[in-house]
Amino acid sequence: MMTVTRSRRKPVADINVVPYIDVMLVLLIIFMVTAPLITSGVNVELPKANAAPIDPESKPPIVASVDRDGQYYLSVNSDPNAPLSAEDLAVLVASHMQMDASNRIVVKGDGSVSYNQIVQLMVLLQRAGVPSVGLMTDGAAADNKPRR
């Protein structure tokens, strides 16, 4: 008589990870969609710092100013104390940049001017062809020299 011996199958200790991969992909998609929607604002007090002054032997920069009333001024204008419209300022800056592309432009804003007005002036200068803009500050020593 012949006996048939059956071999027992050994238990497999592998984990099926396919469902976990599916869950991870769904979570990844959810986070990718919701991350740009989350905006948070933090109230900060910006630091005060002393900046290195502009070299006195170099060509003086063109100073575009905005006062507390939101009026624009330009230091190279025939009358630097006369307010300019946004269009006039852009035309003057563009003409000076065409004459000498190495002109440096700095923005001088009144301390009570809103951040939005400074940004609008910087956008106006950018559209006039200014590649980069510096900001003027008053350092600890109030020498009122333009700073970068």
N, C-alpha and C. Protein backbone atom coordinates (compact mmCIF):
# COMPACT_ATOMS: atom_id res chain seq x y z
N MET A 1 0.79 -1.14 0.00
CA MET A 1 0.00 0.00 0.00
C MET A 1 0.87 1.26 0.00
N MET A 2 0.42 2.09 -0.71
CA MET A 2 1.16 3.31 -0.89
C MET A 2 0.57 4.43 -0.02
N THR A 3 1.41 5.04 0.67
CA THR A 3 0.94 6.16 1.48
C THR A 3 1.37 7.48 0.83
N VAL A 4 0.45 8.32 0.80
CA VAL A 4 0.71 9.63 0.21
C VAL A 4 1.02 10.59 1.36
N THR A 5 2.11 11.12 1.26
CA THR A 5 2.45 12.13 2.27
C THR A 5 2.22 13.52 1.68
N ARG A 6 1.48 14.19 2.37
CA ARG A 6 1.24 15.58 1.94
C ARG A 6 2.22 16.50 2.65
N SER A 7 2.74 17.37 1.87
CA SER A 7 3.64 18.34 2.50
C SER A 7 2.82 19.52 3.01
N ARG A 8 3.12 19.87 4.18
CA ARG A 8 2.39 21.01 4.76
C ARG A 8 2.99 22.31 4.22
N ARG A 9 2.13 23.19 3.93
CA ARG A 9 2.61 24.50 3.48
C ARG A 9 2.99 25.32 4.69
N LYS A 10 4.11 25.93 4.58
CA LYS A 10 4.57 26.77 5.68
C LYS A 10 3.83 28.09 5.63
N PRO A 11 3.53 28.67 6.78
CA PRO A 11 2.83 29.96 6.77
C PRO A 11 3.73 31.06 6.21
N VAL A 12 3.12 31.96 5.45
CA VAL A 12 3.83 33.07 4.84
C VAL A 12 3.70 34.27 5.77
N ALA A 13 4.83 34.89 6.07
CA ALA A 13 4.83 36.01 7.01
C ALA A 13 4.93 37.36 6.29
N ASP A 14 4.59 37.42 5.04
CA ASP A 14 4.66 38.68 4.30
C ASP A 14 3.40 39.50 4.56
N ILE A 15 3.57 40.82 4.55
CA ILE A 15 2.44 41.73 4.74
C ILE A 15 2.07 42.28 3.37
N ASN A 16 0.80 42.31 3.11
CA ASN A 16 0.32 42.88 1.86
C ASN A 16 0.31 44.41 2.02
N VAL A 17 1.21 45.12 1.31
CA VAL A 17 1.36 46.56 1.47
C VAL A 17 0.58 47.37 0.44
N VAL A 18 -0.09 46.72 -0.46
CA VAL A 18 -0.82 47.43 -1.51
C VAL A 18 -1.88 48.36 -0.92
N PRO A 19 -2.67 47.96 0.07
CA PRO A 19 -3.65 48.90 0.63
C PRO A 19 -2.98 50.10 1.30
N TYR A 20 -1.82 49.90 1.90
CA TYR A 20 -1.13 51.02 2.54
C TYR A 20 -0.62 52.01 1.50
N ILE A 21 -0.17 51.51 0.38
CA ILE A 21 0.28 52.40 -0.69
C ILE A 21 -0.89 53.21 -1.22
N ASP A 22 -2.04 52.59 -1.36
CA ASP A 22 -3.23 53.32 -1.81
C ASP A 22 -3.59 54.43 -0.84
N VAL A 23 -3.55 54.13 0.44
CA VAL A 23 -3.89 55.14 1.45
C VAL A 23 -2.87 56.28 1.41
N MET A 24 -1.59 55.95 1.27
CA MET A 24 -0.56 56.99 1.21
C MET A 24 -0.74 57.89 -0.01
N LEU A 25 -1.08 57.33 -1.14
CA LEU A 25 -1.29 58.15 -2.34
C LEU A 25 -2.49 59.07 -2.17
N VAL A 26 -3.55 58.57 -1.55
CA VAL A 26 -4.72 59.42 -1.32
C VAL A 26 -4.36 60.56 -0.37
N LEU A 27 -3.63 60.26 0.70
CA LEU A 27 -3.22 61.31 1.64
C LEU A 27 -2.28 62.32 0.97
N LEU A 28 -1.38 61.85 0.11
CA LEU A 28 -0.49 62.75 -0.60
C LEU A 28 -1.27 63.72 -1.48
N ILE A 29 -2.25 63.21 -2.18
CA ILE A 29 -3.07 64.07 -3.04
C ILE A 29 -3.84 65.08 -2.19
N ILE A 30 -4.39 64.65 -1.07
CA ILE A 30 -5.13 65.56 -0.19
C ILE A 30 -4.21 66.66 0.31
N PHE A 31 -3.01 66.32 0.77
CA PHE A 31 -2.09 67.34 1.28
C PHE A 31 -1.60 68.27 0.18
N MET A 32 -1.41 67.74 -1.02
CA MET A 32 -0.97 68.60 -2.12
C MET A 32 -2.05 69.61 -2.51
N VAL A 33 -3.29 69.22 -2.40
CA VAL A 33 -4.39 70.12 -2.75
C VAL A 33 -4.62 71.14 -1.65
N THR A 34 -4.55 70.73 -0.40
CA THR A 34 -4.88 71.65 0.71
C THR A 34 -3.73 72.53 1.15
N ALA A 35 -2.48 72.15 0.91
CA ALA A 35 -1.34 72.94 1.37
C ALA A 35 -1.34 74.37 0.82
N PRO A 36 -1.59 74.60 -0.46
CA PRO A 36 -1.61 76.00 -0.93
C PRO A 36 -2.79 76.80 -0.38
N LEU A 37 -3.82 76.14 0.07
CA LEU A 37 -4.99 76.85 0.56
C LEU A 37 -4.80 77.36 1.99
N ILE A 38 -3.86 76.76 2.69
CA ILE A 38 -3.63 77.15 4.08
C ILE A 38 -2.74 78.39 4.10
N THR A 39 -3.28 79.47 4.62
CA THR A 39 -2.49 80.68 4.77
C THR A 39 -2.53 81.08 6.23
N SER A 40 -1.40 81.46 6.72
CA SER A 40 -1.37 81.91 8.11
C SER A 40 -0.50 83.15 8.17
N GLY A 41 -0.92 84.07 8.98
CA GLY A 41 -0.16 85.29 9.16
C GLY A 41 0.36 85.37 10.58
N VAL A 42 1.55 85.91 10.71
CA VAL A 42 2.17 86.08 12.01
C VAL A 42 2.52 87.54 12.16
N ASN A 43 2.15 88.12 13.28
CA ASN A 43 2.53 89.50 13.55
C ASN A 43 3.98 89.52 13.96
N VAL A 44 4.78 90.27 13.22
CA VAL A 44 6.21 90.36 13.52
C VAL A 44 6.62 91.82 13.60
N GLU A 45 7.63 92.06 14.38
CA GLU A 45 8.23 93.37 14.42
C GLU A 45 9.55 93.26 13.67
N LEU A 46 9.65 93.95 12.57
CA LEU A 46 10.84 93.83 11.74
C LEU A 46 12.04 94.41 12.46
N PRO A 47 13.20 93.79 12.30
CA PRO A 47 14.39 94.28 13.00
C PRO A 47 14.92 95.56 12.39
N LYS A 48 15.58 96.33 13.24
CA LYS A 48 16.26 97.53 12.77
C LYS A 48 17.74 97.19 12.64
N ALA A 49 18.34 97.58 11.53
CA ALA A 49 19.74 97.23 11.30
C ALA A 49 20.45 98.39 10.64
N ASN A 50 21.72 98.46 10.90
CA ASN A 50 22.56 99.45 10.21
C ASN A 50 23.04 98.84 8.91
N ALA A 51 22.81 99.55 7.83
CA ALA A 51 23.26 99.07 6.52
C ALA A 51 24.54 99.81 6.16
N ALA A 52 25.32 99.20 5.33
CA ALA A 52 26.56 99.84 4.87
C ALA A 52 26.19 101.01 3.97
N PRO A 53 26.83 102.16 4.18
CA PRO A 53 26.51 103.32 3.33
C PRO A 53 27.03 103.14 1.92
N ILE A 54 26.41 103.85 1.00
CA ILE A 54 26.86 103.84 -0.39
C ILE A 54 28.20 104.57 -0.48
N ASP A 55 29.08 104.06 -1.31
CA ASP A 55 30.41 104.65 -1.48
C ASP A 55 30.28 106.11 -1.91
N PRO A 56 30.89 107.05 -1.17
CA PRO A 56 30.74 108.47 -1.50
C PRO A 56 31.36 108.85 -2.85
N GLU A 57 32.36 108.07 -3.34
CA GLU A 57 32.98 108.39 -4.63
C GLU A 57 32.13 107.93 -5.81
N SER A 58 31.18 107.07 -5.56
CA SER A 58 30.36 106.56 -6.66
C SER A 58 29.30 107.60 -7.06
N LYS A 59 28.74 107.37 -8.21
CA LYS A 59 27.68 108.24 -8.72
C LYS A 59 26.49 108.18 -7.77
N PRO A 60 25.94 109.32 -7.39
CA PRO A 60 24.80 109.29 -6.46
C PRO A 60 23.58 108.61 -7.10
N PRO A 61 22.83 107.88 -6.30
CA PRO A 61 21.67 107.18 -6.85
C PRO A 61 20.51 108.13 -7.11
N ILE A 62 19.60 107.67 -7.93
CA ILE A 62 18.34 108.38 -8.15
C ILE A 62 17.41 107.96 -7.02
N VAL A 63 16.83 108.92 -6.34
CA VAL A 63 15.99 108.63 -5.18
C VAL A 63 14.53 108.85 -5.57
N ALA A 64 13.75 107.77 -5.51
CA ALA A 64 12.30 107.85 -5.71
C ALA A 64 11.67 107.83 -4.33
N SER A 65 10.89 108.85 -4.02
CA SER A 65 10.32 108.99 -2.68
C SER A 65 8.81 108.93 -2.73
N VAL A 66 8.24 108.49 -1.62
CA VAL A 66 6.80 108.54 -1.42
C VAL A 66 6.57 109.12 -0.03
N ASP A 67 5.74 110.16 0.05
CA ASP A 67 5.50 110.78 1.35
C ASP A 67 4.28 110.19 2.03
N ARG A 68 3.96 110.69 3.21
CA ARG A 68 2.86 110.11 3.99
C ARG A 68 1.51 110.25 3.31
N ASP A 69 1.39 111.17 2.35
CA ASP A 69 0.13 111.34 1.61
C ASP A 69 0.07 110.46 0.37
N GLY A 70 1.14 109.71 0.09
CA GLY A 70 1.17 108.83 -1.07
C GLY A 70 1.59 109.51 -2.34
N GLN A 71 2.18 110.71 -2.25
CA GLN A 71 2.64 111.42 -3.44
C GLN A 71 4.08 111.01 -3.74
N TYR A 72 4.39 110.94 -5.04
CA TYR A 72 5.71 110.51 -5.49
C TYR A 72 6.60 111.70 -5.80
N TYR A 73 7.90 111.52 -5.57
CA TYR A 73 8.92 112.53 -5.86
C TYR A 73 10.12 111.82 -6.47
N LEU A 74 10.91 112.56 -7.25
CA LEU A 74 12.11 112.00 -7.86
C LEU A 74 13.23 113.01 -7.68
N SER A 75 14.42 112.55 -7.25
CA SER A 75 15.53 113.45 -6.93
C SER A 75 16.15 114.09 -8.16
N VAL A 76 15.99 113.52 -9.34
CA VAL A 76 16.61 114.07 -10.54
C VAL A 76 15.65 114.96 -11.32
N ASN A 77 14.48 115.20 -10.78
CA ASN A 77 13.50 116.06 -11.43
C ASN A 77 14.03 117.50 -11.40
N SER A 78 13.52 118.37 -12.27
CA SER A 78 13.94 119.76 -12.26
C SER A 78 13.63 120.40 -10.90
N ASP A 79 12.53 120.02 -10.28
CA ASP A 79 12.20 120.46 -8.93
C ASP A 79 11.94 119.21 -8.09
N PRO A 80 12.94 118.75 -7.31
CA PRO A 80 12.77 117.50 -6.57
C PRO A 80 11.70 117.57 -5.49
N ASN A 81 11.21 118.76 -5.17
CA ASN A 81 10.17 118.89 -4.16
C ASN A 81 8.77 118.97 -4.76
N ALA A 82 8.68 118.85 -6.09
CA ALA A 82 7.37 118.90 -6.75
C ALA A 82 6.83 117.47 -6.87
N PRO A 83 5.60 117.25 -6.40
CA PRO A 83 5.02 115.89 -6.51
C PRO A 83 4.77 115.51 -7.96
N LEU A 84 4.93 114.22 -8.24
CA LEU A 84 4.74 113.70 -9.60
C LEU A 84 3.61 112.67 -9.58
N SER A 85 2.95 112.53 -10.71
CA SER A 85 1.98 111.44 -10.85
C SER A 85 2.76 110.16 -11.10
N ALA A 86 2.10 109.05 -10.96
CA ALA A 86 2.74 107.76 -11.17
C ALA A 86 3.25 107.63 -12.61
N GLU A 87 2.47 108.12 -13.57
CA GLU A 87 2.87 108.04 -14.98
C GLU A 87 4.10 108.90 -15.25
N ASP A 88 4.11 110.14 -14.70
CA ASP A 88 5.26 111.02 -14.90
C ASP A 88 6.53 110.44 -14.28
N LEU A 89 6.39 109.86 -13.11
CA LEU A 89 7.54 109.24 -12.45
C LEU A 89 8.09 108.10 -13.29
N ALA A 90 7.19 107.27 -13.81
CA ALA A 90 7.62 106.13 -14.63
C ALA A 90 8.32 106.60 -15.90
N VAL A 91 7.82 107.65 -16.53
CA VAL A 91 8.43 108.17 -17.76
C VAL A 91 9.82 108.74 -17.46
N LEU A 92 9.95 109.50 -16.36
CA LEU A 92 11.24 110.08 -16.02
C LEU A 92 12.27 109.00 -15.69
N VAL A 93 11.87 108.00 -14.91
CA VAL A 93 12.79 106.92 -14.55
C VAL A 93 13.18 106.13 -15.79
N ALA A 94 12.22 105.84 -16.66
CA ALA A 94 12.53 105.09 -17.88
C ALA A 94 13.51 105.85 -18.76
N SER A 95 13.34 107.17 -18.87
CA SER A 95 14.26 107.96 -19.70
C SER A 95 15.66 107.99 -19.10
N HIS A 96 15.76 108.08 -17.77
CA HIS A 96 17.08 108.05 -17.13
C HIS A 96 17.73 106.68 -17.26
N MET A 97 16.95 105.63 -17.22
CA MET A 97 17.51 104.29 -17.38
C MET A 97 17.96 104.04 -18.82
N GLN A 98 17.28 104.65 -19.79
CA GLN A 98 17.71 104.52 -21.19
C GLN A 98 19.00 105.28 -21.44
N MET A 99 19.15 106.44 -20.77
CA MET A 99 20.38 107.22 -20.95
C MET A 99 21.57 106.52 -20.30
N ASP A 100 21.37 105.96 -19.11
CA ASP A 100 22.46 105.29 -18.40
C ASP A 100 21.86 104.12 -17.63
N ALA A 101 22.06 102.92 -18.14
CA ALA A 101 21.47 101.72 -17.52
C ALA A 101 22.14 101.36 -16.20
N SER A 102 23.29 102.00 -15.90
CA SER A 102 23.96 101.69 -14.63
C SER A 102 23.46 102.54 -13.48
N ASN A 103 22.45 103.37 -13.73
CA ASN A 103 21.88 104.18 -12.64
C ASN A 103 21.35 103.28 -11.54
N ARG A 104 21.64 103.67 -10.33
CA ARG A 104 21.07 102.96 -9.18
C ARG A 104 19.84 103.73 -8.71
N ILE A 105 18.81 103.00 -8.37
CA ILE A 105 17.57 103.60 -7.90
C ILE A 105 17.35 103.14 -6.46
N VAL A 106 17.06 104.09 -5.58
CA VAL A 106 16.70 103.74 -4.21
C VAL A 106 15.34 104.33 -3.90
N VAL A 107 14.60 103.64 -3.05
CA VAL A 107 13.27 104.08 -2.64
C VAL A 107 13.37 104.66 -1.24
N LYS A 108 12.82 105.82 -1.08
CA LYS A 108 12.79 106.49 0.22
C LYS A 108 11.33 106.69 0.60
N GLY A 109 10.91 106.02 1.64
CA GLY A 109 9.52 106.10 2.06
C GLY A 109 9.39 106.67 3.45
N ASP A 110 8.37 107.47 3.65
CA ASP A 110 8.08 108.00 4.98
C ASP A 110 7.76 106.85 5.92
N GLY A 111 8.11 107.00 7.19
CA GLY A 111 7.88 105.93 8.16
C GLY A 111 6.41 105.59 8.36
N SER A 112 5.52 106.53 8.09
CA SER A 112 4.10 106.26 8.29
C SER A 112 3.40 105.75 7.03
N VAL A 113 4.16 105.60 5.95
CA VAL A 113 3.58 105.11 4.69
C VAL A 113 3.31 103.61 4.83
N SER A 114 2.19 103.18 4.28
CA SER A 114 1.86 101.76 4.35
C SER A 114 2.79 100.95 3.45
N TYR A 115 2.97 99.72 3.82
CA TYR A 115 3.82 98.79 3.05
C TYR A 115 3.31 98.69 1.61
N ASN A 116 2.01 98.73 1.43
CA ASN A 116 1.42 98.63 0.10
C ASN A 116 1.89 99.77 -0.81
N GLN A 117 1.99 100.97 -0.27
CA GLN A 117 2.43 102.10 -1.10
C GLN A 117 3.89 101.94 -1.53
N ILE A 118 4.73 101.41 -0.65
CA ILE A 118 6.13 101.17 -1.01
C ILE A 118 6.19 100.11 -2.11
N VAL A 119 5.42 99.05 -1.95
CA VAL A 119 5.42 97.98 -2.96
C VAL A 119 4.90 98.50 -4.28
N GLN A 120 3.88 99.35 -4.27
CA GLN A 120 3.34 99.91 -5.51
C GLN A 120 4.39 100.77 -6.21
N LEU A 121 5.18 101.53 -5.43
CA LEU A 121 6.25 102.32 -6.02
C LEU A 121 7.32 101.42 -6.62
N MET A 122 7.65 100.32 -5.95
CA MET A 122 8.66 99.40 -6.47
C MET A 122 8.17 98.72 -7.75
N VAL A 123 6.89 98.38 -7.82
CA VAL A 123 6.32 97.79 -9.03
C VAL A 123 6.35 98.81 -10.17
N LEU A 124 6.04 100.06 -9.85
CA LEU A 124 6.08 101.13 -10.84
C LEU A 124 7.49 101.28 -11.40
N LEU A 125 8.49 101.23 -10.54
CA LEU A 125 9.88 101.33 -10.99
C LEU A 125 10.28 100.12 -11.83
N GLN A 126 9.82 98.95 -11.43
CA GLN A 126 10.13 97.74 -12.20
C GLN A 126 9.56 97.83 -13.60
N ARG A 127 8.33 98.31 -13.71
CA ARG A 127 7.71 98.45 -15.03
C ARG A 127 8.40 99.52 -15.88
N ALA A 128 9.08 100.46 -15.21
CA ALA A 128 9.81 101.50 -15.93
C ALA A 128 11.17 101.01 -16.41
N GLY A 129 11.52 99.76 -16.08
CA GLY A 129 12.76 99.19 -16.58
C GLY A 129 13.90 99.14 -15.59
N VAL A 130 13.62 99.35 -14.31
CA VAL A 130 14.66 99.30 -13.29
C VAL A 130 14.88 97.84 -12.90
N PRO A 131 16.12 97.33 -13.06
CA PRO A 131 16.35 95.91 -12.75
C PRO A 131 16.35 95.59 -11.27
N SER A 132 16.84 96.51 -10.43
CA SER A 132 16.83 96.27 -8.99
C SER A 132 16.68 97.59 -8.27
N VAL A 133 16.06 97.52 -7.09
CA VAL A 133 15.76 98.71 -6.32
C VAL A 133 16.33 98.53 -4.92
N GLY A 134 16.94 99.58 -4.40
CA GLY A 134 17.42 99.58 -3.02
C GLY A 134 16.46 100.36 -2.15
N LEU A 135 16.56 100.15 -0.85
CA LEU A 135 15.72 100.86 0.10
C LEU A 135 16.58 101.74 0.98
N MET A 136 16.18 102.99 1.18
CA MET A 136 16.91 103.89 2.06
C MET A 136 16.42 103.69 3.48
N THR A 137 17.36 103.76 4.41
CA THR A 137 17.02 103.67 5.83
C THR A 137 17.78 104.73 6.59
N ASP A 138 17.30 105.04 7.76
CA ASP A 138 18.05 105.85 8.70
C ASP A 138 18.67 104.90 9.69
N GLY A 139 19.98 104.94 9.77
CA GLY A 139 20.67 104.05 10.70
C GLY A 139 20.65 104.62 12.10
N ALA A 140 21.41 104.00 12.99
CA ALA A 140 21.49 104.46 14.37
C ALA A 140 22.09 105.86 14.42
N ALA A 141 23.11 106.10 13.60
CA ALA A 141 23.66 107.44 13.48
C ALA A 141 22.87 108.16 12.41
N ALA A 142 22.09 109.14 12.78
CA ALA A 142 21.19 109.81 11.84
C ALA A 142 21.98 110.75 10.95
N ASP A 143 22.70 110.20 9.99
CA ASP A 143 23.50 111.02 9.09
C ASP A 143 22.77 111.28 7.78
N ASN A 144 21.57 110.69 7.59
CA ASN A 144 20.70 110.91 6.42
C ASN A 144 21.40 110.64 5.09
N LYS A 145 22.41 109.79 5.08
CA LYS A 145 23.02 109.39 3.81
C LYS A 145 22.21 108.25 3.22
N PRO A 146 22.10 108.21 1.88
CA PRO A 146 21.39 107.06 1.28
C PRO A 146 22.10 105.76 1.64
N ARG A 147 21.34 104.75 1.98
CA ARG A 147 21.91 103.46 2.33
C ARG A 147 21.35 102.40 1.41
N ARG A 148 22.08 101.29 1.24
CA ARG A 148 21.59 100.21 0.42
C ARG A 148 20.91 99.19 1.29
